[in-house]
Amino acid sequence: MKYNRYDTLTGQGMNAGYCICDGEAYASNDETLLVQLMAIESIGESEVVSEYLERLYEDGMYYYTTWEDEDDADDEPTQEELNAVRQAMFNLFRTDNK
């Protein structure tokens, strides 16, 4: 099966999911959406996750959609591309500042 998009964090193929920052990233589920959004913008100190997601949605940071046009299908990401994204995400969450 050819997928129209791939989750930026996991590489999972998808024809429906979250579009983040106008297509800079994609998430196939709520968990990878949250991880990717937290790498972009911190959650408020007293903000709960549902409020955080609502605020970012209202700010236009992400939306849920389906992709049906097979001519718009992307190639599956290579293992090197997936590793680079995972390493970049890991580096954003490091606390030892190395």
PDB file of N, CA and C in Angstrom:
ATOM      1  N   MET A   1       0.843  -1.183   0.000  1.00  0.00           N
ATOM      2  CA  MET A   1       0.000   0.000   0.000  1.00  0.00           C
ATOM      3  C   MET A   1       0.886   1.243   0.000  1.00  0.00           C
ATOM      4  N   LYS A   2       0.535   2.180  -0.825  1.00  0.00           N
ATOM      5  CA  LYS A   2       1.260   3.449  -0.879  1.00  0.00           C
ATOM      6  C   LYS A   2       0.564   4.449   0.032  1.00  0.00           C
ATOM      7  N   TYR A   3       1.352   5.092   0.884  1.00  0.00           N
ATOM      8  CA  TYR A   3       0.804   6.067   1.818  1.00  0.00           C
ATOM      9  C   TYR A   3       1.074   7.474   1.313  1.00  0.00           C
ATOM     10  N   ASN A   4       0.158   8.371   1.658  1.00  0.00           N
ATOM     11  CA  ASN A   4       0.293   9.753   1.231  1.00  0.00           C
ATOM     12  C   ASN A   4       1.226  10.552   2.126  1.00  0.00           C
ATOM     13  N   ARG A   5       1.344  10.183   3.388  1.00  0.00           N
ATOM     14  CA  ARG A   5       2.241  10.858   4.328  1.00  0.00           C
ATOM     15  C   ARG A   5       2.821   9.829   5.277  1.00  0.00           C
ATOM     16  N   TYR A   6       3.890  10.231   5.963  1.00  0.00           N
ATOM     17  CA  TYR A   6       4.530   9.385   6.959  1.00  0.00           C
ATOM     18  C   TYR A   6       4.721  10.168   8.240  1.00  0.00           C
ATOM     19  N   ASP A   7       4.439   9.511   9.369  1.00  0.00           N
ATOM     20  CA  ASP A   7       4.642  10.135  10.673  1.00  0.00           C
ATOM     21  C   ASP A   7       6.108  10.527  10.776  1.00  0.00           C
ATOM     22  N   THR A   8       6.371  11.778  11.061  1.00  0.00           N
ATOM     23  CA  THR A   8       7.739  12.298  11.101  1.00  0.00           C
ATOM     24  C   THR A   8       8.564  11.630  12.188  1.00  0.00           C
ATOM     25  N   LEU A   9       7.938  11.259  13.277  1.00  0.00           N
ATOM     26  CA  LEU A   9       8.662  10.664  14.397  1.00  0.00           C
ATOM     27  C   LEU A   9       8.858   9.167  14.247  1.00  0.00           C
ATOM     28  N   THR A  10       7.822   8.456  13.821  1.00  0.00           N
ATOM     29  CA  THR A  10       7.883   6.990  13.785  1.00  0.00           C
ATOM     30  C   THR A  10       8.107   6.403  12.398  1.00  0.00           C
ATOM     31  N   GLY A  11       7.797   7.166  11.368  1.00  0.00           N
ATOM     32  CA  GLY A  11       7.898   6.652  10.013  1.00  0.00           C
ATOM     33  C   GLY A  11       6.683   5.843   9.581  1.00  0.00           C
ATOM     34  N   GLN A  12       5.657   5.747  10.435  1.00  0.00           N
ATOM     35  CA  GLN A  12       4.450   4.997  10.111  1.00  0.00           C
ATOM     36  C   GLN A  12       3.717   5.659   8.954  1.00  0.00           C
ATOM     37  N   GLY A  13       3.354   4.865   7.961  1.00  0.00           N
ATOM     38  CA  GLY A  13       2.602   5.375   6.832  1.00  0.00           C
ATOM     39  C   GLY A  13       1.185   5.737   7.220  1.00  0.00           C
ATOM     40  N   MET A  14       0.630   6.752   6.573  1.00  0.00           N
ATOM     41  CA  MET A  14      -0.729   7.171   6.911  1.00  0.00           C
ATOM     42  C   MET A  14      -1.388   7.884   5.746  1.00  0.00           C
ATOM     43  N   ASN A  15      -2.694   7.746   5.678  1.00  0.00           N
ATOM     44  CA  ASN A  15      -3.505   8.491   4.723  1.00  0.00           C
ATOM     45  C   ASN A  15      -4.431   9.458   5.444  1.00  0.00           C
ATOM     46  N   ALA A  16      -4.351   9.487   6.766  1.00  0.00           N
ATOM     47  CA  ALA A  16      -5.079  10.429   7.608  1.00  0.00           C
ATOM     48  C   ALA A  16      -4.226  10.667   8.845  1.00  0.00           C
ATOM     49  N   GLY A  17      -4.241  11.885   9.335  1.00  0.00           N
ATOM     50  CA  GLY A  17      -3.456  12.191  10.525  1.00  0.00           C
ATOM     51  C   GLY A  17      -3.319  13.681  10.711  1.00  0.00           C
ATOM     52  N   TYR A  18      -2.367  14.060  11.531  1.00  0.00           N
ATOM     53  CA  TYR A  18      -2.156  15.461  11.866  1.00  0.00           C
ATOM     54  C   TYR A  18      -1.084  16.081  10.984  1.00  0.00           C
ATOM     55  N   CYS A  19      -1.386  17.265  10.503  1.00  0.00           N
ATOM     56  CA  CYS A  19      -0.427  18.071   9.753  1.00  0.00           C
ATOM     57  C   CYS A  19       0.066  19.142  10.722  1.00  0.00           C
ATOM     58  N   ILE A  20       1.371  19.221  10.920  1.00  0.00           N
ATOM     59  CA  ILE A  20       1.966  20.137  11.887  1.00  0.00           C
ATOM     60  C   ILE A  20       2.750  21.212  11.149  1.00  0.00           C
ATOM     61  N   CYS A  21       2.537  22.454  11.543  1.00  0.00           N
ATOM     62  CA  CYS A  21       3.261  23.610  10.973  1.00  0.00           C
ATOM     63  C   CYS A  21       3.211  23.621   9.451  1.00  0.00           C
ATOM     64  N   ASP A  22       2.008  23.546   8.926  1.00  0.00           N
ATOM     65  CA  ASP A  22       1.790  23.610   7.471  1.00  0.00           C
ATOM     66  C   ASP A  22       2.594  22.592   6.679  1.00  0.00           C
ATOM     67  N   GLY A  23       2.716  21.385   7.221  1.00  0.00           N
ATOM     68  CA  GLY A  23       3.373  20.313   6.492  1.00  0.00           C
ATOM     69  C   GLY A  23       4.840  20.138   6.794  1.00  0.00           C
ATOM     70  N   GLU A  24       5.360  20.830   7.777  1.00  0.00           N
ATOM     71  CA  GLU A  24       6.762  20.627   8.174  1.00  0.00           C
ATOM     72  C   GLU A  24       6.938  19.279   8.865  1.00  0.00           C
ATOM     73  N   ALA A  25       5.855  18.776   9.470  1.00  0.00           N
ATOM     74  CA  ALA A  25       5.887  17.486  10.153  1.00  0.00           C
ATOM     75  C   ALA A  25       4.484  16.890  10.132  1.00  0.00           C
ATOM     76  N   TYR A  26       4.420  15.573  10.382  1.00  0.00           N
ATOM     77  CA  TYR A  26       3.148  14.860  10.388  1.00  0.00           C
ATOM     78  C   TYR A  26       3.133  13.895  11.568  1.00  0.00           C
ATOM     79  N   ALA A  27       1.942  13.678  12.117  1.00  0.00           N
ATOM     80  CA  ALA A  27       1.777  12.742  13.233  1.00  0.00           C
ATOM     81  C   ALA A  27       0.598  11.828  12.937  1.00  0.00           C
ATOM     82  N   SER A  28       0.787  10.546  13.195  1.00  0.00           N
ATOM     83  CA  SER A  28      -0.264   9.568  12.912  1.00  0.00           C
ATOM     84  C   SER A  28      -1.207   9.363  14.087  1.00  0.00           C
ATOM     85  N   ASN A  29      -0.813   9.807  15.281  1.00  0.00           N
ATOM     86  CA  ASN A  29      -1.672   9.602  16.451  1.00  0.00           C
ATOM     87  C   ASN A  29      -1.449  10.718  17.468  1.00  0.00           C
ATOM     88  N   ASP A  30      -2.275  10.714  18.514  1.00  0.00           N
ATOM     89  CA  ASP A  30      -2.204  11.770  19.523  1.00  0.00           C
ATOM     90  C   ASP A  30      -0.864  11.801  20.252  1.00  0.00           C
ATOM     91  N   GLU A  31      -0.273  10.639  20.470  1.00  0.00           N
ATOM     92  CA  GLU A  31       0.982  10.574  21.210  1.00  0.00           C
ATOM     93  C   GLU A  31       2.131  11.214  20.439  1.00  0.00           C
ATOM     94  N   THR A  32       2.278  10.861  19.177  1.00  0.00           N
ATOM     95  CA  THR A  32       3.381  11.460  18.417  1.00  0.00           C
ATOM     96  C   THR A  32       3.103  12.926  18.104  1.00  0.00           C
ATOM     97  N   LEU A  33       1.826  13.291  18.022  1.00  0.00           N
ATOM     98  CA  LEU A  33       1.482  14.705  17.872  1.00  0.00           C
ATOM     99  C   LEU A  33       1.996  15.483  19.078  1.00  0.00           C
ATOM    100  N   LEU A  34       1.704  15.003  20.268  1.00  0.00           N
ATOM    101  CA  LEU A  34       2.098  15.704  21.483  1.00  0.00           C
ATOM    102  C   LEU A  34       3.618  15.815  21.603  1.00  0.00           C
ATOM    103  N   VAL A  35       4.329  14.744  21.327  1.00  0.00           N
ATOM    104  CA  VAL A  35       5.798  14.781  21.401  1.00  0.00           C
ATOM    105  C   VAL A  35       6.359  15.813  20.431  1.00  0.00           C
ATOM    106  N   GLN A  36       5.847  15.811  19.209  1.00  0.00           N
ATOM    107  CA  GLN A  36       6.360  16.748  18.207  1.00  0.00           C
ATOM    108  C   GLN A  36       6.003  18.194  18.528  1.00  0.00           C
ATOM    109  N   LEU A  37       4.802  18.426  19.031  1.00  0.00           N
ATOM    110  CA  LEU A  37       4.420  19.795  19.399  1.00  0.00           C
ATOM    111  C   LEU A  37       5.249  20.300  20.576  1.00  0.00           C
ATOM    112  N   MET A  38       5.504  19.434  21.545  1.00  0.00           N
ATOM    113  CA  MET A  38       6.292  19.851  22.707  1.00  0.00           C
ATOM    114  C   MET A  38       7.727  20.190  22.318  1.00  0.00           C
ATOM    115  N   ALA A  39       8.207  19.630  21.235  1.00  0.00           N
ATOM    116  CA  ALA A  39       9.540  19.976  20.740  1.00  0.00           C
ATOM    117  C   ALA A  39       9.548  21.365  20.103  1.00  0.00           C
ATOM    118  N   ILE A  40       8.379  21.830  19.680  1.00  0.00           N
ATOM    119  CA  ILE A  40       8.257  23.130  19.029  1.00  0.00           C
ATOM    120  C   ILE A  40       7.935  24.231  20.034  1.00  0.00           C
ATOM    121  N   GLU A  41       6.983  23.940  20.920  1.00  0.00           N
ATOM    122  CA  GLU A  41       6.544  24.948  21.890  1.00  0.00           C
ATOM    123  C   GLU A  41       6.256  24.284  23.225  1.00  0.00           C
ATOM    124  N   SER A  42       6.785  24.842  24.283  1.00  0.00           N
ATOM    125  CA  SER A  42       6.620  24.288  25.625  1.00  0.00           C
ATOM    126  C   SER A  42       5.183  24.399  26.101  1.00  0.00           C
ATOM    127  N   ILE A  43       4.816  23.445  26.917  1.00  0.00           N
ATOM    128  CA  ILE A  43       3.515  23.488  27.563  1.00  0.00           C
ATOM    129  C   ILE A  43       3.613  24.463  28.729  1.00  0.00           C
ATOM    130  N   GLY A  44       2.554  25.232  28.962  1.00  0.00           N
ATOM    131  CA  GLY A  44       2.543  26.206  30.039  1.00  0.00           C
ATOM    132  C   GLY A  44       2.676  25.540  31.404  1.00  0.00           C
ATOM    133  N   GLU A  45       3.236  26.256  32.349  1.00  0.00           N
ATOM    134  CA  GLU A  45       3.509  25.699  33.677  1.00  0.00           C
ATOM    135  C   GLU A  45       2.256  25.147  34.350  1.00  0.00           C
ATOM    136  N   SER A  46       1.140  25.840  34.234  1.00  0.00           N
ATOM    137  CA  SER A  46      -0.100  25.378  34.865  1.00  0.00           C
ATOM    138  C   SER A  46      -1.096  24.838  33.840  1.00  0.00           C
ATOM    139  N   GLU A  47      -0.644  24.642  32.620  1.00  0.00           N
ATOM    140  CA  GLU A  47      -1.511  24.202  31.520  1.00  0.00           C
ATOM    141  C   GLU A  47      -1.601  22.678  31.502  1.00  0.00           C
ATOM    142  N   VAL A  48      -2.803  22.144  31.377  1.00  0.00           N
ATOM    143  CA  VAL A  48      -2.967  20.708  31.206  1.00  0.00           C
ATOM    144  C   VAL A  48      -2.893  20.394  29.711  1.00  0.00           C
ATOM    145  N   VAL A  49      -2.679  19.129  29.391  1.00  0.00           N
ATOM    146  CA  VAL A  49      -2.450  18.733  28.000  1.00  0.00           C
ATOM    147  C   VAL A  49      -3.605  19.137  27.094  1.00  0.00           C
ATOM    148  N   SER A  50      -4.824  18.948  27.533  1.00  0.00           N
ATOM    149  CA  SER A  50      -5.964  19.299  26.673  1.00  0.00           C
ATOM    150  C   SER A  50      -5.996  20.797  26.378  1.00  0.00           C
ATOM    151  N   GLU A  51      -5.655  21.632  27.350  1.00  0.00           N
ATOM    152  CA  GLU A  51      -5.605  23.080  27.130  1.00  0.00           C
ATOM    153  C   GLU A  51      -4.468  23.441  26.182  1.00  0.00           C
ATOM    154  N   TYR A  52      -3.341  22.783  26.363  1.00  0.00           N
ATOM    155  CA  TYR A  52      -2.168  22.997  25.503  1.00  0.00           C
ATOM    156  C   TYR A  52      -2.511  22.676  24.050  1.00  0.00           C
ATOM    157  N   LEU A  53      -3.119  21.503  23.828  1.00  0.00           N
ATOM    158  CA  LEU A  53      -3.483  21.106  22.471  1.00  0.00           C
ATOM    159  C   LEU A  53      -4.517  22.057  21.870  1.00  0.00           C
ATOM    160  N   GLU A  54      -5.478  22.483  22.667  1.00  0.00           N
ATOM    161  CA  GLU A  54      -6.485  23.418  22.179  1.00  0.00           C
ATOM    162  C   GLU A  54      -5.850  24.755  21.794  1.00  0.00           C
ATOM    163  N   ARG A  55      -4.928  25.242  22.619  1.00  0.00           N
ATOM    164  CA  ARG A  55      -4.253  26.518  22.326  1.00  0.00           C
ATOM    165  C   ARG A  55      -3.467  26.432  21.021  1.00  0.00           C
ATOM    166  N   LEU A  56      -2.713  25.359  20.847  1.00  0.00           N
ATOM    167  CA  LEU A  56      -1.922  25.224  19.625  1.00  0.00           C
ATOM    168  C   LEU A  56      -2.802  25.019  18.395  1.00  0.00           C
ATOM    169  N   TYR A  57      -3.919  24.312  18.566  1.00  0.00           N
ATOM    170  CA  TYR A  57      -4.861  24.144  17.459  1.00  0.00           C
ATOM    171  C   TYR A  57      -5.432  25.495  17.048  1.00  0.00           C
ATOM    172  N   GLU A  58      -5.845  26.279  18.037  1.00  0.00           N
ATOM    173  CA  GLU A  58      -6.408  27.600  17.747  1.00  0.00           C
ATOM    174  C   GLU A  58      -5.373  28.538  17.143  1.00  0.00           C
ATOM    175  N   ASP A  59      -4.095  28.329  17.474  1.00  0.00           N
ATOM    176  CA  ASP A  59      -3.012  29.129  16.894  1.00  0.00           C
ATOM    177  C   ASP A  59      -2.611  28.645  15.499  1.00  0.00           C
ATOM    178  N   GLY A  60      -3.258  27.575  15.027  1.00  0.00           N
ATOM    179  CA  GLY A  60      -2.972  27.060  13.691  1.00  0.00           C
ATOM    180  C   GLY A  60      -1.704  26.229  13.587  1.00  0.00           C
ATOM    181  N   MET A  61      -1.237  25.694  14.704  1.00  0.00           N
ATOM    182  CA  MET A  61      -0.004  24.889  14.692  1.00  0.00           C
ATOM    183  C   MET A  61      -0.221  23.500  14.094  1.00  0.00           C
ATOM    184  N   TYR A  62      -1.458  22.995  14.174  1.00  0.00           N
ATOM    185  CA  TYR A  62      -1.736  21.663  13.625  1.00  0.00           C
ATOM    186  C   TYR A  62      -3.221  21.543  13.302  1.00  0.00           C
ATOM    187  N   TYR A  63      -3.516  20.539  12.495  1.00  0.00           N
ATOM    188  CA  TYR A  63      -4.902  20.177  12.211  1.00  0.00           C
ATOM    189  C   TYR A  63      -4.936  18.724  11.773  1.00  0.00           C
ATOM    190  N   TYR A  64      -6.099  18.121  11.843  1.00  0.00           N
ATOM    191  CA  TYR A  64      -6.287  16.740  11.413  1.00  0.00           C
ATOM    192  C   TYR A  64      -6.873  16.746  10.013  1.00  0.00           C
ATOM    193  N   THR A  65      -6.383  15.839   9.177  1.00  0.00           N
ATOM    194  CA  THR A  65      -6.874  15.790   7.801  1.00  0.00           C
ATOM    195  C   THR A  65      -6.731  14.388   7.234  1.00  0.00           C
ATOM    196  N   THR A  66      -7.301  14.185   6.061  1.00  0.00           N
ATOM    197  CA  THR A  66      -7.097  12.954   5.296  1.00  0.00           C
ATOM    198  C   THR A  66      -6.478  13.340   3.958  1.00  0.00           C
ATOM    199  N   TRP A  67      -5.650  12.462   3.457  1.00  0.00           N
ATOM    200  CA  TRP A  67      -5.028  12.670   2.150  1.00  0.00           C
ATOM    201  C   TRP A  67      -5.527  11.559   1.241  1.00  0.00           C
ATOM    202  N   GLU A  68      -6.161  11.932   0.146  1.00  0.00           N
ATOM    203  CA  GLU A  68      -6.761  10.944  -0.739  1.00  0.00           C
ATOM    204  C   GLU A  68      -6.145  10.923  -2.127  1.00  0.00           C
ATOM    205  N   ASP A  69      -5.432  11.951  -2.496  1.00  0.00           N
ATOM    206  CA  ASP A  69      -4.877  12.066  -3.839  1.00  0.00           C
ATOM    207  C   ASP A  69      -3.593  11.248  -3.927  1.00  0.00           C
ATOM    208  N   GLU A  70      -3.661  10.109  -4.608  1.00  0.00           N
ATOM    209  CA  GLU A  70      -2.486   9.242  -4.700  1.00  0.00           C
ATOM    210  C   GLU A  70      -1.350   9.877  -5.486  1.00  0.00           C
ATOM    211  N   ASP A  71      -1.640  10.872  -6.320  1.00  0.00           N
ATOM    212  CA  ASP A  71      -0.572  11.562  -7.035  1.00  0.00           C
ATOM    213  C   ASP A  71       0.289  12.379  -6.079  1.00  0.00           C
ATOM    214  N   ASP A  72      -0.244  12.637  -4.883  1.00  0.00           N
ATOM    215  CA  ASP A  72       0.457  13.425  -3.882  1.00  0.00           C
ATOM    216  C   ASP A  72       1.223  12.537  -2.899  1.00  0.00           C
ATOM    217  N   ALA A  73       1.298  11.236  -3.189  1.00  0.00           N
ATOM    218  CA  ALA A  73       1.932  10.294  -2.266  1.00  0.00           C
ATOM    219  C   ALA A  73       3.427  10.565  -2.161  1.00  0.00           C
ATOM    220  N   ASP A  74       3.915  10.445  -0.929  1.00  0.00           N
ATOM    221  CA  ASP A  74       5.339  10.629  -0.662  1.00  0.00           C
ATOM    222  C   ASP A  74       6.041   9.288  -0.653  1.00  0.00           C
ATOM    223  N   ASP A  75       7.334   9.310  -0.944  1.00  0.00           N
ATOM    224  CA  ASP A  75       8.131   8.104  -0.824  1.00  0.00           C
ATOM    225  C   ASP A  75       8.340   7.788   0.648  1.00  0.00           C
ATOM    226  N   GLU A  76       8.449   6.504   0.938  1.00  0.00           N
ATOM    227  CA  GLU A  76       8.700   6.095   2.315  1.00  0.00           C
ATOM    228  C   GLU A  76      10.050   6.652   2.769  1.00  0.00           C
ATOM    229  N   PRO A  77      10.113   7.175   4.014  1.00  0.00           N
ATOM    230  CA  PRO A  77      11.387   7.735   4.482  1.00  0.00           C
ATOM    231  C   PRO A  77      12.431   6.636   4.641  1.00  0.00           C
ATOM    232  N   THR A  78      13.679   6.999   4.396  1.00  0.00           N
ATOM    233  CA  THR A  78      14.767   6.040   4.577  1.00  0.00           C
ATOM    234  C   THR A  78      15.073   5.892   6.059  1.00  0.00           C
ATOM    235  N   GLN A  79      15.773   4.841   6.414  1.00  0.00           N
ATOM    236  CA  GLN A  79      16.154   4.636   7.808  1.00  0.00           C
ATOM    237  C   GLN A  79      17.036   5.787   8.289  1.00  0.00           C
ATOM    238  N   GLU A  80      17.883   6.303   7.427  1.00  0.00           N
ATOM    239  CA  GLU A  80      18.742   7.427   7.798  1.00  0.00           C
ATOM    240  C   GLU A  80      17.920   8.675   8.120  1.00  0.00           C
ATOM    241  N   GLU A  81      16.882   8.940   7.323  1.00  0.00           N
ATOM    242  CA  GLU A  81      16.007  10.084   7.592  1.00  0.00           C
ATOM    243  C   GLU A  81      15.267   9.921   8.920  1.00  0.00           C
ATOM    244  N   LEU A  82      14.771   8.718   9.178  1.00  0.00           N
ATOM    245  CA  LEU A  82      14.089   8.464  10.446  1.00  0.00           C
ATOM    246  C   LEU A  82      15.043   8.641  11.624  1.00  0.00           C
ATOM    247  N   ASN A  83      16.259   8.119  11.497  1.00  0.00           N
ATOM    248  CA  ASN A  83      17.237   8.255  12.574  1.00  0.00           C
ATOM    249  C   ASN A  83      17.586   9.713  12.832  1.00  0.00           C
ATOM    250  N   ALA A  84      17.706  10.505  11.789  1.00  0.00           N
ATOM    251  CA  ALA A  84      18.037  11.922  11.942  1.00  0.00           C
ATOM    252  C   ALA A  84      16.922  12.665  12.684  1.00  0.00           C
ATOM    253  N   VAL A  85      15.678  12.373  12.337  1.00  0.00           N
ATOM    254  CA  VAL A  85      14.552  13.017  13.016  1.00  0.00           C
ATOM    255  C   VAL A  85      14.496  12.586  14.473  1.00  0.00           C
ATOM    256  N   ARG A  86      14.667  11.302  14.727  1.00  0.00           N
ATOM    257  CA  ARG A  86      14.630  10.801  16.105  1.00  0.00           C
ATOM    258  C   ARG A  86      15.746  11.422  16.937  1.00  0.00           C
ATOM    259  N   GLN A  87      16.931  11.542  16.365  1.00  0.00           N
ATOM    260  CA  GLN A  87      18.042  12.145  17.093  1.00  0.00           C
ATOM    261  C   GLN A  87      17.779  13.618  17.376  1.00  0.00           C
ATOM    262  N   ALA A  88      17.206  14.334  16.414  1.00  0.00           N
ATOM    263  CA  ALA A  88      16.882  15.742  16.617  1.00  0.00           C
ATOM    264  C   ALA A  88      15.848  15.897  17.732  1.00  0.00           C
ATOM    265  N   MET A  89      14.838  15.036  17.756  1.00  0.00           N
ATOM    266  CA  MET A  89      13.834  15.090  18.814  1.00  0.00           C
ATOM    267  C   MET A  89      14.471  14.766  20.163  1.00  0.00           C
ATOM    268  N   PHE A  90      15.320  13.762  20.202  1.00  0.00           N
ATOM    269  CA  PHE A  90      16.004  13.389  21.442  1.00  0.00           C
ATOM    270  C   PHE A  90      16.825  14.564  21.961  1.00  0.00           C
ATOM    271  N   ASN A  91      17.535  15.235  21.063  1.00  0.00           N
ATOM    272  CA  ASN A  91      18.371  16.366  21.473  1.00  0.00           C
ATOM    273  C   ASN A  91      17.545  17.506  22.058  1.00  0.00           C
ATOM    274  N   LEU A  92      16.336  17.700  21.560  1.00  0.00           N
ATOM    275  CA  LEU A  92      15.474  18.757  22.090  1.00  0.00           C
ATOM    276  C   LEU A  92      15.061  18.503  23.530  1.00  0.00           C
ATOM    277  N   PHE A  93      14.974  17.234  23.901  1.00  0.00           N
ATOM    278  CA  PHE A  93      14.518  16.887  25.240  1.00  0.00           C
ATOM    279  C   PHE A  93      15.649  16.575  26.221  1.00  0.00           C
ATOM    280  N   ARG A  94      16.867  16.635  25.773  1.00  0.00           N
ATOM    281  CA  ARG A  94      17.995  16.372  26.673  1.00  0.00           C
ATOM    282  C   ARG A  94      18.071  17.435  27.744  1.00  0.00           C
ATOM    283  N   THR A  95      18.422  17.019  28.916  1.00  0.00           N
ATOM    284  CA  THR A  95      18.531  17.968  30.021  1.00  0.00           C
ATOM    285  C   THR A  95      19.966  18.184  30.452  1.00  0.00           C
ATOM    286  N   ASP A  96      20.898  17.427  29.901  1.00  0.00           N
ATOM    287  CA  ASP A  96      22.289  17.571  30.333  1.00  0.00           C
ATOM    288  C   ASP A  96      23.049  18.605  29.520  1.00  0.00           C
ATOM    289  N   ASN A  97      22.369  19.244  28.527  1.00  0.00           N
ATOM    290  CA  ASN A  97      22.940  20.332  27.722  1.00  0.00           C
ATOM    291  C   ASN A  97      24.225  19.969  27.006  1.00  0.00           C
ATOM    292  N   LYS A  98      24.378  18.719  26.617  1.00  0.00           N
ATOM    293  CA  LYS A  98      25.575  18.296  25.860  1.00  0.00           C
ATOM    294  C   LYS A  98      25.319  18.426  24.383  1.00  0.00           C
TER     295      LYS A  98
END
